[in-house]
ModelCIF file with pLDDT and N, C-alpha, C, O atoms, coordinates in Angstrom:
data_MODEL
#
_entry.id   MODEL 
#
_entity.id                         1 
_entity.type                       polymer 
_entity.pdbx_number_of_molecules   1 
#
_entity_poly.entity_id                      1 
_entity_poly.type                           'polypeptide(L)' 
_entity_poly.nstd_linkage                   no 
_entity_poly.nstd_monomer                   no 
_entity_poly.pdbx_seq_one_letter_code       
;(UNK)(UNK)(UNK)(UNK)(UNK)(UNK)(UNK)(UNK)(UNK)(UNK)(UNK)(UNK)(UNK)(UNK)(UNK)(UNK)
(UNK)(UNK)(UNK)(UNK)(UNK)(UNK)(UNK)(UNK)(UNK)(UNK)(UNK)(UNK)(UNK)(UNK)(UNK)(UNK)
(UNK)(UNK)(UNK)(UNK)(UNK)(UNK)(UNK)(UNK)(UNK)(UNK)(UNK)(UNK)(UNK)(UNK)(UNK)(UNK)
;
_entity_poly.pdbx_seq_one_letter_code_can   XXXXXXXXXXXXXXXXXXXXXXXXXXXXXXXXXXXXXXXXXXXXXXXX 
_entity_poly.pdbx_strand_id                 A 
#
loop_
_entity_poly_seq.entity_id 
_entity_poly_seq.num 
_entity_poly_seq.mon_id 
_entity_poly_seq.hetero 
1 1  UNK n 
1 2  UNK n 
1 3  UNK n 
1 4  UNK n 
1 5  UNK n 
1 6  UNK n 
1 7  UNK n 
1 8  UNK n 
1 9  UNK n 
1 10 UNK n 
1 11 UNK n 
1 12 UNK n 
1 13 UNK n 
1 14 UNK n 
1 15 UNK n 
1 16 UNK n 
1 17 UNK n 
1 18 UNK n 
1 19 UNK n 
1 20 UNK n 
1 21 UNK n 
1 22 UNK n 
1 23 UNK n 
1 24 UNK n 
1 25 UNK n 
1 26 UNK n 
1 27 UNK n 
1 28 UNK n 
1 29 UNK n 
1 30 UNK n 
1 31 UNK n 
1 32 UNK n 
1 33 UNK n 
1 34 UNK n 
1 35 UNK n 
1 36 UNK n 
1 37 UNK n 
1 38 UNK n 
1 39 UNK n 
1 40 UNK n 
1 41 UNK n 
1 42 UNK n 
1 43 UNK n 
1 44 UNK n 
1 45 UNK n 
1 46 UNK n 
1 47 UNK n 
1 48 UNK n 
#
_struct_asym.id          A 
_struct_asym.entity_id   1 
#
loop_
_ma_qa_metric.id 
_ma_qa_metric.mode 
_ma_qa_metric.name 
_ma_qa_metric.software_group_id 
_ma_qa_metric.type 
1 global pLDDT . pLDDT 
2 local  pLDDT . pLDDT 
#
_ma_qa_metric_global.metric_id      1 
_ma_qa_metric_global.metric_value   93.60 
_ma_qa_metric_global.model_id       1 
_ma_qa_metric_global.ordinal_id     1 
#
loop_
_ma_qa_metric_local.label_asym_id 
_ma_qa_metric_local.label_comp_id 
_ma_qa_metric_local.label_seq_id 
_ma_qa_metric_local.metric_id 
_ma_qa_metric_local.metric_value 
_ma_qa_metric_local.model_id 
_ma_qa_metric_local.ordinal_id 
A UNK 1  2 93.00 1 1  
A UNK 2  2 85.00 1 2  
A UNK 3  2 90.00 1 3  
A UNK 4  2 94.00 1 4  
A UNK 5  2 91.00 1 5  
A UNK 6  2 91.00 1 6  
A UNK 7  2 95.00 1 7  
A UNK 8  2 94.00 1 8  
A UNK 9  2 93.00 1 9  
A UNK 10 2 94.00 1 10 
A UNK 11 2 96.00 1 11 
A UNK 12 2 95.00 1 12 
A UNK 13 2 94.00 1 13 
A UNK 14 2 95.00 1 14 
A UNK 15 2 96.00 1 15 
A UNK 16 2 92.00 1 16 
A UNK 17 2 93.00 1 17 
A UNK 18 2 93.00 1 18 
A UNK 19 2 90.00 1 19 
A UNK 20 2 87.00 1 20 
A UNK 21 2 90.00 1 21 
A UNK 22 2 94.00 1 22 
A UNK 23 2 93.00 1 23 
A UNK 24 2 95.00 1 24 
A UNK 25 2 96.00 1 25 
A UNK 26 2 96.00 1 26 
A UNK 27 2 94.00 1 27 
A UNK 28 2 93.00 1 28 
A UNK 29 2 95.00 1 29 
A UNK 30 2 96.00 1 30 
A UNK 31 2 98.00 1 31 
A UNK 32 2 97.00 1 32 
A UNK 33 2 98.00 1 33 
A UNK 34 2 97.00 1 34 
A UNK 35 2 96.00 1 35 
A UNK 36 2 94.00 1 36 
A UNK 37 2 92.00 1 37 
A UNK 38 2 91.00 1 38 
A UNK 39 2 89.00 1 39 
A UNK 40 2 85.00 1 40 
A UNK 41 2 86.00 1 41 
A UNK 42 2 95.00 1 42 
A UNK 43 2 96.00 1 43 
A UNK 44 2 97.00 1 44 
A UNK 45 2 97.00 1 45 
A UNK 46 2 98.00 1 46 
A UNK 47 2 97.00 1 47 
A UNK 48 2 97.00 1 48 
#
loop_
_atom_site.group_PDB 
_atom_site.id 
_atom_site.type_symbol 
_atom_site.label_atom_id 
_atom_site.label_alt_id 
_atom_site.label_comp_id 
_atom_site.label_asym_id 
_atom_site.label_entity_id 
_atom_site.label_seq_id 
_atom_site.pdbx_PDB_ins_code 
_atom_site.Cartn_x 
_atom_site.Cartn_y 
_atom_site.Cartn_z 
_atom_site.occupancy 
_atom_site.B_iso_or_equiv 
_atom_site.pdbx_formal_charge 
_atom_site.auth_seq_id 
_atom_site.auth_comp_id 
_atom_site.auth_asym_id 
_atom_site.auth_atom_id 
_atom_site.pdbx_PDB_model_num 
ATOM 1   N N  . UNK A 1 1  ? -5.693 6.354   -0.630  1.00 93.00 ? 1  UNK A N  1 
ATOM 2   C CA . UNK A 1 1  ? -5.242 7.160   0.496   1.00 93.00 ? 1  UNK A CA 1 
ATOM 3   C C  . UNK A 1 1  ? -4.689 6.171   1.522   1.00 93.00 ? 1  UNK A C  1 
ATOM 4   O O  . UNK A 1 1  ? -4.807 4.959   1.343   1.00 93.00 ? 1  UNK A O  1 
ATOM 5   N N  . UNK A 1 2  ? -4.098 6.676   2.576   1.00 85.00 ? 2  UNK A N  1 
ATOM 6   C CA . UNK A 1 2  ? -3.599 5.784   3.616   1.00 85.00 ? 2  UNK A CA 1 
ATOM 7   C C  . UNK A 1 2  ? -4.732 4.965   4.226   1.00 85.00 ? 2  UNK A C  1 
ATOM 8   O O  . UNK A 1 2  ? -4.495 3.874   4.744   1.00 85.00 ? 2  UNK A O  1 
ATOM 9   N N  . UNK A 1 3  ? -5.954 5.476   4.170   1.00 90.00 ? 3  UNK A N  1 
ATOM 10  C CA . UNK A 1 3  ? -7.098 4.768   4.730   1.00 90.00 ? 3  UNK A CA 1 
ATOM 11  C C  . UNK A 1 3  ? -7.654 3.698   3.788   1.00 90.00 ? 3  UNK A C  1 
ATOM 12  O O  . UNK A 1 3  ? -8.378 2.810   4.239   1.00 90.00 ? 3  UNK A O  1 
ATOM 13  N N  . UNK A 1 4  ? -7.337 3.758   2.510   1.00 94.00 ? 4  UNK A N  1 
ATOM 14  C CA . UNK A 1 4  ? -7.929 2.821   1.549   1.00 94.00 ? 4  UNK A CA 1 
ATOM 15  C C  . UNK A 1 4  ? -6.936 1.837   0.943   1.00 94.00 ? 4  UNK A C  1 
ATOM 16  O O  . UNK A 1 4  ? -7.306 1.066   0.057   1.00 94.00 ? 4  UNK A O  1 
ATOM 17  N N  . UNK A 1 5  ? -5.679 1.843   1.398   1.00 91.00 ? 5  UNK A N  1 
ATOM 18  C CA . UNK A 1 5  ? -4.670 0.973   0.776   1.00 91.00 ? 5  UNK A CA 1 
ATOM 19  C C  . UNK A 1 5  ? -4.957 -0.516  0.945   1.00 91.00 ? 5  UNK A C  1 
ATOM 20  O O  . UNK A 1 5  ? -4.321 -1.339  0.286   1.00 91.00 ? 5  UNK A O  1 
ATOM 21  N N  . UNK A 1 6  ? -5.883 -0.873  1.798   1.00 91.00 ? 6  UNK A N  1 
ATOM 22  C CA . UNK A 1 6  ? -6.251 -2.282  1.938   1.00 91.00 ? 6  UNK A CA 1 
ATOM 23  C C  . UNK A 1 6  ? -6.836 -2.828  0.635   1.00 91.00 ? 6  UNK A C  1 
ATOM 24  O O  . UNK A 1 6  ? -6.977 -4.042  0.488   1.00 91.00 ? 6  UNK A O  1 
ATOM 25  N N  . UNK A 1 7  ? -7.177 -1.953  -0.310  1.00 95.00 ? 7  UNK A N  1 
ATOM 26  C CA . UNK A 1 7  ? -7.711 -2.385  -1.595  1.00 95.00 ? 7  UNK A CA 1 
ATOM 27  C C  . UNK A 1 7  ? -6.667 -2.865  -2.584  1.00 95.00 ? 7  UNK A C  1 
ATOM 28  O O  . UNK A 1 7  ? -7.016 -3.398  -3.637  1.00 95.00 ? 7  UNK A O  1 
ATOM 29  N N  . UNK A 1 8  ? -5.398 -2.687  -2.267  1.00 94.00 ? 8  UNK A N  1 
ATOM 30  C CA . UNK A 1 8  ? -4.339 -3.054  -3.225  1.00 94.00 ? 8  UNK A CA 1 
ATOM 31  C C  . UNK A 1 8  ? -4.320 -4.550  -3.547  1.00 94.00 ? 8  UNK A C  1 
ATOM 32  O O  . UNK A 1 8  ? -4.175 -4.888  -4.721  1.00 94.00 ? 8  UNK A O  1 
ATOM 33  N N  . UNK A 1 9  ? -4.457 -5.470  -2.583  1.00 93.00 ? 9  UNK A N  1 
ATOM 34  C CA . UNK A 1 9  ? -4.480 -6.896  -2.976  1.00 93.00 ? 9  UNK A CA 1 
ATOM 35  C C  . UNK A 1 9  ? -5.595 -7.226  -3.974  1.00 93.00 ? 9  UNK A C  1 
ATOM 36  O O  . UNK A 1 9  ? -5.384 -8.022  -4.890  1.00 93.00 ? 9  UNK A O  1 
ATOM 37  N N  . UNK A 1 10 ? -6.765 -6.631  -3.810  1.00 94.00 ? 10 UNK A N  1 
ATOM 38  C CA . UNK A 1 10 ? -7.851 -6.849  -4.767  1.00 94.00 ? 10 UNK A CA 1 
ATOM 39  C C  . UNK A 1 10 ? -7.520 -6.307  -6.143  1.00 94.00 ? 10 UNK A C  1 
ATOM 40  O O  . UNK A 1 10 ? -7.916 -6.880  -7.158  1.00 94.00 ? 10 UNK A O  1 
ATOM 41  N N  . UNK A 1 11 ? -6.789 -5.199  -6.173  1.00 96.00 ? 11 UNK A N  1 
ATOM 42  C CA . UNK A 1 11 ? -6.357 -4.633  -7.447  1.00 96.00 ? 11 UNK A CA 1 
ATOM 43  C C  . UNK A 1 11 ? -5.443 -5.628  -8.162  1.00 96.00 ? 11 UNK A C  1 
ATOM 44  O O  . UNK A 1 11 ? -5.568 -5.828  -9.370  1.00 96.00 ? 11 UNK A O  1 
ATOM 45  N N  . UNK A 1 12 ? -4.529 -6.248  -7.425  1.00 95.00 ? 12 UNK A N  1 
ATOM 46  C CA . UNK A 1 12 ? -3.649 -7.261  -8.017  1.00 95.00 ? 12 UNK A CA 1 
ATOM 47  C C  . UNK A 1 12 ? -4.466 -8.450  -8.539  1.00 95.00 ? 12 UNK A C  1 
ATOM 48  O O  . UNK A 1 12 ? -4.164 -8.986  -9.605  1.00 95.00 ? 12 UNK A O  1 
ATOM 49  N N  . UNK A 1 13 ? -5.491 -8.860  -7.798  1.00 94.00 ? 13 UNK A N  1 
ATOM 50  C CA . UNK A 1 13 ? -6.329 -9.969  -8.265  1.00 94.00 ? 13 UNK A CA 1 
ATOM 51  C C  . UNK A 1 13 ? -7.031 -9.614  -9.571  1.00 94.00 ? 13 UNK A C  1 
ATOM 52  O O  . UNK A 1 13 ? -7.144 -10.450 -10.468 1.00 94.00 ? 13 UNK A O  1 
ATOM 53  N N  . UNK A 1 14 ? -7.499 -8.380  -9.675  1.00 95.00 ? 14 UNK A N  1 
ATOM 54  C CA . UNK A 1 14 ? -8.153 -7.945  -10.923 1.00 95.00 ? 14 UNK A CA 1 
ATOM 55  C C  . UNK A 1 14 ? -7.164 -7.859  -12.081 1.00 95.00 ? 14 UNK A C  1 
ATOM 56  O O  . UNK A 1 14 ? -7.531 -8.073  -13.236 1.00 95.00 ? 14 UNK A O  1 
ATOM 57  N N  . UNK A 1 15 ? -5.904 -7.545  -11.764 1.00 96.00 ? 15 UNK A N  1 
ATOM 58  C CA . UNK A 1 15 ? -4.881 -7.422  -12.802 1.00 96.00 ? 15 UNK A CA 1 
ATOM 59  C C  . UNK A 1 15 ? -4.390 -8.784  -13.299 1.00 96.00 ? 15 UNK A C  1 
ATOM 60  O O  . UNK A 1 15 ? -3.978 -8.901  -14.453 1.00 96.00 ? 15 UNK A O  1 
ATOM 61  N N  . UNK A 1 16 ? -4.427 -9.802  -12.459 1.00 92.00 ? 16 UNK A N  1 
ATOM 62  C CA . UNK A 1 16 ? -3.884 -11.122 -12.781 1.00 92.00 ? 16 UNK A CA 1 
ATOM 63  C C  . UNK A 1 16 ? -4.206 -11.647 -14.168 1.00 92.00 ? 16 UNK A C  1 
ATOM 64  O O  . UNK A 1 16 ? -3.293 -12.096 -14.861 1.00 92.00 ? 16 UNK A O  1 
ATOM 65  N N  . UNK A 1 17 ? -5.460 -11.615 -14.612 1.00 93.00 ? 17 UNK A N  1 
ATOM 66  C CA . UNK A 1 17 ? -5.786 -12.162 -15.938 1.00 93.00 ? 17 UNK A CA 1 
ATOM 67  C C  . UNK A 1 17 ? -5.116 -11.428 -17.103 1.00 93.00 ? 17 UNK A C  1 
ATOM 68  O O  . UNK A 1 17 ? -5.010 -11.987 -18.194 1.00 93.00 ? 17 UNK A O  1 
ATOM 69  N N  . UNK A 1 18 ? -4.666 -10.200 -16.896 1.00 93.00 ? 18 UNK A N  1 
ATOM 70  C CA . UNK A 1 18 ? -4.038 -9.427  -17.970 1.00 93.00 ? 18 UNK A CA 1 
ATOM 71  C C  . UNK A 1 18 ? -2.546 -9.742  -18.144 1.00 93.00 ? 18 UNK A C  1 
ATOM 72  O O  . UNK A 1 18 ? -1.985 -9.516  -19.216 1.00 93.00 ? 18 UNK A O  1 
ATOM 73  N N  . UNK A 1 19 ? -1.915 -10.256 -17.106 1.00 90.00 ? 19 UNK A N  1 
ATOM 74  C CA . UNK A 1 19 ? -0.449 -10.355 -17.098 1.00 90.00 ? 19 UNK A CA 1 
ATOM 75  C C  . UNK A 1 19 ? 0.106  -11.028 -18.351 1.00 90.00 ? 19 UNK A C  1 
ATOM 76  O O  . UNK A 1 19 ? 1.052  -10.514 -18.946 1.00 90.00 ? 19 UNK A O  1 
ATOM 77  N N  . UNK A 1 20 ? -0.443 -12.137 -18.758 1.00 87.00 ? 20 UNK A N  1 
ATOM 78  C CA . UNK A 1 20 ? 0.086  -12.855 -19.912 1.00 87.00 ? 20 UNK A CA 1 
ATOM 79  C C  . UNK A 1 20 ? -0.335 -12.310 -21.261 1.00 87.00 ? 20 UNK A C  1 
ATOM 80  O O  . UNK A 1 20 ? 0.086  -12.830 -22.294 1.00 87.00 ? 20 UNK A O  1 
ATOM 81  N N  . UNK A 1 21 ? -1.160 -11.270 -21.273 1.00 90.00 ? 21 UNK A N  1 
ATOM 82  C CA . UNK A 1 21 ? -1.705 -10.782 -22.550 1.00 90.00 ? 21 UNK A CA 1 
ATOM 83  C C  . UNK A 1 21 ? -1.259 -9.375  -22.910 1.00 90.00 ? 21 UNK A C  1 
ATOM 84  O O  . UNK A 1 21 ? -1.674 -8.857  -23.947 1.00 90.00 ? 21 UNK A O  1 
ATOM 85  N N  . UNK A 1 22 ? -0.442 -8.748  -22.107 1.00 94.00 ? 22 UNK A N  1 
ATOM 86  C CA . UNK A 1 22 ? -0.051 -7.359  -22.360 1.00 94.00 ? 22 UNK A CA 1 
ATOM 87  C C  . UNK A 1 22 ? 0.977  -7.300  -23.480 1.00 94.00 ? 22 UNK A C  1 
ATOM 88  O O  . UNK A 1 22 ? 2.024  -7.942  -23.393 1.00 94.00 ? 22 UNK A O  1 
ATOM 89  N N  . UNK A 1 23 ? 0.688  -6.530  -24.543 1.00 93.00 ? 23 UNK A N  1 
ATOM 90  C CA . UNK A 1 23 ? 1.622  -6.456  -25.675 1.00 93.00 ? 23 UNK A CA 1 
ATOM 91  C C  . UNK A 1 23 ? 2.933  -5.772  -25.280 1.00 93.00 ? 23 UNK A C  1 
ATOM 92  O O  . UNK A 1 23 ? 2.941  -4.805  -24.518 1.00 93.00 ? 23 UNK A O  1 
ATOM 93  N N  . UNK A 1 24 ? 4.041  -6.295  -25.815 1.00 95.00 ? 24 UNK A N  1 
ATOM 94  C CA . UNK A 1 24 ? 5.351  -5.687  -25.604 1.00 95.00 ? 24 UNK A CA 1 
ATOM 95  C C  . UNK A 1 24 ? 5.925  -5.899  -24.219 1.00 95.00 ? 24 UNK A C  1 
ATOM 96  O O  . UNK A 1 24 ? 6.793  -5.136  -23.795 1.00 95.00 ? 24 UNK A O  1 
ATOM 97  N N  . UNK A 1 25 ? 5.467  -6.910  -23.505 1.00 96.00 ? 25 UNK A N  1 
ATOM 98  C CA . UNK A 1 25 ? 5.967  -7.157  -22.144 1.00 96.00 ? 25 UNK A CA 1 
ATOM 99  C C  . UNK A 1 25 ? 7.461  -7.468  -22.186 1.00 96.00 ? 25 UNK A C  1 
ATOM 100 O O  . UNK A 1 25 ? 7.950  -8.181  -23.062 1.00 96.00 ? 25 UNK A O  1 
ATOM 101 N N  . UNK A 1 26 ? 8.168  -6.903  -21.202 1.00 96.00 ? 26 UNK A N  1 
ATOM 102 C CA . UNK A 1 26 ? 9.607  -7.126  -21.068 1.00 96.00 ? 26 UNK A CA 1 
ATOM 103 C C  . UNK A 1 26 ? 9.887  -7.879  -19.769 1.00 96.00 ? 26 UNK A C  1 
ATOM 104 O O  . UNK A 1 26 ? 9.506  -7.415  -18.694 1.00 96.00 ? 26 UNK A O  1 
ATOM 105 N N  . UNK A 1 27 ? 10.540 -9.020  -19.853 1.00 94.00 ? 27 UNK A N  1 
ATOM 106 C CA . UNK A 1 27 ? 10.930 -9.765  -18.659 1.00 94.00 ? 27 UNK A CA 1 
ATOM 107 C C  . UNK A 1 27 ? 9.752  -10.397 -17.947 1.00 94.00 ? 27 UNK A C  1 
ATOM 108 O O  . UNK A 1 27 ? 8.611  -10.324 -18.404 1.00 94.00 ? 27 UNK A O  1 
ATOM 109 N N  . UNK A 1 28 ? 10.055 -11.020 -16.815 1.00 93.00 ? 28 UNK A N  1 
ATOM 110 C CA . UNK A 1 28 ? 9.036  -11.748 -16.073 1.00 93.00 ? 28 UNK A CA 1 
ATOM 111 C C  . UNK A 1 28 ? 8.664  -11.120 -14.747 1.00 93.00 ? 28 UNK A C  1 
ATOM 112 O O  . UNK A 1 28 ? 7.948  -11.735 -13.956 1.00 93.00 ? 28 UNK A O  1 
ATOM 113 N N  . UNK A 1 29 ? 9.132  -9.911  -14.485 1.00 95.00 ? 29 UNK A N  1 
ATOM 114 C CA . UNK A 1 29 ? 8.828  -9.271  -13.211 1.00 95.00 ? 29 UNK A CA 1 
ATOM 115 C C  . UNK A 1 29 ? 7.525  -8.497  -13.278 1.00 95.00 ? 29 UNK A C  1 
ATOM 116 O O  . UNK A 1 29 ? 7.054  -8.130  -14.355 1.00 95.00 ? 29 UNK A O  1 
ATOM 117 N N  . UNK A 1 30 ? 6.947  -8.255  -12.096 1.00 96.00 ? 30 UNK A N  1 
ATOM 118 C CA . UNK A 1 30 ? 5.768  -7.392  -11.968 1.00 96.00 ? 30 UNK A CA 1 
ATOM 119 C C  . UNK A 1 30 ? 6.140  -6.251  -11.032 1.00 96.00 ? 30 UNK A C  1 
ATOM 120 O O  . UNK A 1 30 ? 7.074  -6.365  -10.238 1.00 96.00 ? 30 UNK A O  1 
ATOM 121 N N  . UNK A 1 31 ? 5.401  -5.150  -11.132 1.00 98.00 ? 31 UNK A N  1 
ATOM 122 C CA . UNK A 1 31 ? 5.721  -3.934  -10.373 1.00 98.00 ? 31 UNK A CA 1 
ATOM 123 C C  . UNK A 1 31 ? 4.460  -3.359  -9.750  1.00 98.00 ? 31 UNK A C  1 
ATOM 124 O O  . UNK A 1 31 ? 3.377  -3.416  -10.331 1.00 98.00 ? 31 UNK A O  1 
ATOM 125 N N  . UNK A 1 32 ? 4.621  -2.808  -8.563  1.00 97.00 ? 32 UNK A N  1 
ATOM 126 C CA . UNK A 1 32 ? 3.588  -2.013  -7.919  1.00 97.00 ? 32 UNK A CA 1 
ATOM 127 C C  . UNK A 1 32 ? 4.151  -0.618  -7.744  1.00 97.00 ? 32 UNK A C  1 
ATOM 128 O O  . UNK A 1 32 ? 4.966  -0.390  -6.851  1.00 97.00 ? 32 UNK A O  1 
ATOM 129 N N  . UNK A 1 33 ? 3.730  0.326   -8.586  1.00 98.00 ? 33 UNK A N  1 
ATOM 130 C CA . UNK A 1 33 ? 4.323  1.668   -8.625  1.00 98.00 ? 33 UNK A CA 1 
ATOM 131 C C  . UNK A 1 33 ? 3.420  2.670   -7.903  1.00 98.00 ? 33 UNK A C  1 
ATOM 132 O O  . UNK A 1 33 ? 2.232  2.784   -8.204  1.00 98.00 ? 33 UNK A O  1 
ATOM 133 N N  . UNK A 1 34 ? 4.008  3.394   -6.941  1.00 97.00 ? 34 UNK A N  1 
ATOM 134 C CA . UNK A 1 34 ? 3.325  4.485   -6.249  1.00 97.00 ? 34 UNK A CA 1 
ATOM 135 C C  . UNK A 1 34 ? 3.841  5.799   -6.828  1.00 97.00 ? 34 UNK A C  1 
ATOM 136 O O  . UNK A 1 34 ? 5.048  6.032   -6.875  1.00 97.00 ? 34 UNK A O  1 
ATOM 137 N N  . UNK A 1 35 ? 2.909  6.663   -7.274  1.00 96.00 ? 35 UNK A N  1 
ATOM 138 C CA . UNK A 1 35 ? 3.316  7.935   -7.867  1.00 96.00 ? 35 UNK A CA 1 
ATOM 139 C C  . UNK A 1 35 ? 2.166  8.918   -7.767  1.00 96.00 ? 35 UNK A C  1 
ATOM 140 O O  . UNK A 1 35 ? 1.113  8.599   -7.215  1.00 96.00 ? 35 UNK A O  1 
ATOM 141 N N  . UNK A 1 36 ? 2.366  10.106  -8.297  1.00 94.00 ? 36 UNK A N  1 
ATOM 142 C CA . UNK A 1 36 ? 1.351  11.156  -8.313  1.00 94.00 ? 36 UNK A CA 1 
ATOM 143 C C  . UNK A 1 36 ? 0.797  11.402  -6.910  1.00 94.00 ? 36 UNK A C  1 
ATOM 144 O O  . UNK A 1 36 ? -0.408 11.325  -6.669  1.00 94.00 ? 36 UNK A O  1 
ATOM 145 N N  . UNK A 1 37 ? 1.716  11.701  -5.996  1.00 92.00 ? 37 UNK A N  1 
ATOM 146 C CA . UNK A 1 37 ? 1.356  11.930  -4.600  1.00 92.00 ? 37 UNK A CA 1 
ATOM 147 C C  . UNK A 1 37 ? 0.651  13.268  -4.450  1.00 92.00 ? 37 UNK A C  1 
ATOM 148 O O  . UNK A 1 37 ? 1.055  14.263  -5.051  1.00 92.00 ? 37 UNK A O  1 
ATOM 149 N N  . UNK A 1 38 ? -0.407 13.286  -3.641  1.00 91.00 ? 38 UNK A N  1 
ATOM 150 C CA . UNK A 1 38 ? -1.183 14.500  -3.469  1.00 91.00 ? 38 UNK A CA 1 
ATOM 151 C C  . UNK A 1 38 ? -1.455 14.811  -2.010  1.00 91.00 ? 38 UNK A C  1 
ATOM 152 O O  . UNK A 1 38 ? -0.935 14.165  -1.101  1.00 91.00 ? 38 UNK A O  1 
ATOM 153 N N  . UNK A 1 39 ? -2.289 15.824  -1.820  1.00 89.00 ? 39 UNK A N  1 
ATOM 154 C CA . UNK A 1 39 ? -2.681 16.265  -0.483  1.00 89.00 ? 39 UNK A CA 1 
ATOM 155 C C  . UNK A 1 39 ? -3.348 15.123  0.289   1.00 89.00 ? 39 UNK A C  1 
ATOM 156 O O  . UNK A 1 39 ? -4.032 14.280  -0.290  1.00 89.00 ? 39 UNK A O  1 
ATOM 157 N N  . UNK A 1 40 ? -3.137 15.114  1.587   1.00 85.00 ? 40 UNK A N  1 
ATOM 158 C CA . UNK A 1 40 ? -3.819 14.157  2.451   1.00 85.00 ? 40 UNK A CA 1 
ATOM 159 C C  . UNK A 1 40 ? -3.395 12.715  2.267   1.00 85.00 ? 40 UNK A C  1 
ATOM 160 O O  . UNK A 1 40 ? -4.155 11.807  2.604   1.00 85.00 ? 40 UNK A O  1 
ATOM 161 N N  . UNK A 1 41 ? -2.200 12.477  1.739   1.00 86.00 ? 41 UNK A N  1 
ATOM 162 C CA . UNK A 1 41 ? -1.719 11.107  1.575   1.00 86.00 ? 41 UNK A CA 1 
ATOM 163 C C  . UNK A 1 41 ? -2.254 10.379  0.363   1.00 86.00 ? 41 UNK A C  1 
ATOM 164 O O  . UNK A 1 41 ? -2.100 9.161   0.267   1.00 86.00 ? 41 UNK A O  1 
ATOM 165 N N  . UNK A 1 42 ? -2.877 11.083  -0.567  1.00 95.00 ? 42 UNK A N  1 
ATOM 166 C CA . UNK A 1 42 ? -3.377 10.430  -1.776  1.00 95.00 ? 42 UNK A CA 1 
ATOM 167 C C  . UNK A 1 42 ? -2.231 10.080  -2.722  1.00 95.00 ? 42 UNK A C  1 
ATOM 168 O O  . UNK A 1 42 ? -1.242 10.809  -2.809  1.00 95.00 ? 42 UNK A O  1 
ATOM 169 N N  . UNK A 1 43 ? -2.371 8.962   -3.426  1.00 96.00 ? 43 UNK A N  1 
ATOM 170 C CA . UNK A 1 43 ? -1.374 8.553   -4.416  1.00 96.00 ? 43 UNK A CA 1 
ATOM 171 C C  . UNK A 1 43 ? -2.007 7.585   -5.402  1.00 96.00 ? 43 UNK A C  1 
ATOM 172 O O  . UNK A 1 43 ? -3.028 6.959   -5.117  1.00 96.00 ? 43 UNK A O  1 
ATOM 173 N N  . UNK A 1 44 ? -1.382 7.475   -6.564  1.00 97.00 ? 44 UNK A N  1 
ATOM 174 C CA . UNK A 1 44 ? -1.787 6.500   -7.576  1.00 97.00 ? 44 UNK A CA 1 
ATOM 175 C C  . UNK A 1 44 ? -0.944 5.248   -7.384  1.00 97.00 ? 44 UNK A C  1 
ATOM 176 O O  . UNK A 1 44 ? 0.255  5.322   -7.114  1.00 97.00 ? 44 UNK A O  1 
ATOM 177 N N  . UNK A 1 45 ? -1.594 4.093   -7.529  1.00 97.00 ? 45 UNK A N  1 
ATOM 178 C CA . UNK A 1 45 ? -0.880 2.814   -7.475  1.00 97.00 ? 45 UNK A CA 1 
ATOM 179 C C  . UNK A 1 45 ? -1.182 2.082   -8.765  1.00 97.00 ? 45 UNK A C  1 
ATOM 180 O O  . UNK A 1 45 ? -2.342 1.853   -9.109  1.00 97.00 ? 45 UNK A O  1 
ATOM 181 N N  . UNK A 1 46 ? -0.128 1.715   -9.477  1.00 98.00 ? 46 UNK A N  1 
ATOM 182 C CA . UNK A 1 46 ? -0.271 0.944   -10.709 1.00 98.00 ? 46 UNK A CA 1 
ATOM 183 C C  . UNK A 1 46 ? 0.363  -0.412  -10.481 1.00 98.00 ? 46 UNK A C  1 
ATOM 184 O O  . UNK A 1 46 ? 1.565  -0.504  -10.232 1.00 98.00 ? 46 UNK A O  1 
ATOM 185 N N  . UNK A 1 47 ? -0.435 -1.466  -10.564 1.00 97.00 ? 47 UNK A N  1 
ATOM 186 C CA . UNK A 1 47 ? 0.133  -2.813  -10.545 1.00 97.00 ? 47 UNK A CA 1 
ATOM 187 C C  . UNK A 1 47 ? 0.272  -3.212  -12.005 1.00 97.00 ? 47 UNK A C  1 
ATOM 188 O O  . UNK A 1 47 ? -0.697 -3.175  -12.764 1.00 97.00 ? 47 UNK A O  1 
ATOM 189 N N  . UNK A 1 48 ? 1.484  -3.593  -12.394 1.00 97.00 ? 48 UNK A N  1 
ATOM 190 C CA . UNK A 1 48 ? 1.701  -3.850  -13.808 1.00 97.00 ? 48 UNK A CA 1 
ATOM 191 C C  . UNK A 1 48 ? 2.989  -4.572  -14.108 1.00 97.00 ? 48 UNK A C  1 
ATOM 192 O O  . UNK A 1 48 ? 3.286  -4.847  -15.271 1.00 97.00 ? 48 UNK A O  1 
#
């Protein structure tokens, strides 16, 4: 939510060890995708 987005940097830290091991990776870029927006400012964030 807008109140909990401060957790995103920690999410990236947790994702870091996976970056080099994901099967079928394309290119060298990383993405932070916001989607599935809901009531009250809720949304899904995928770092990948």
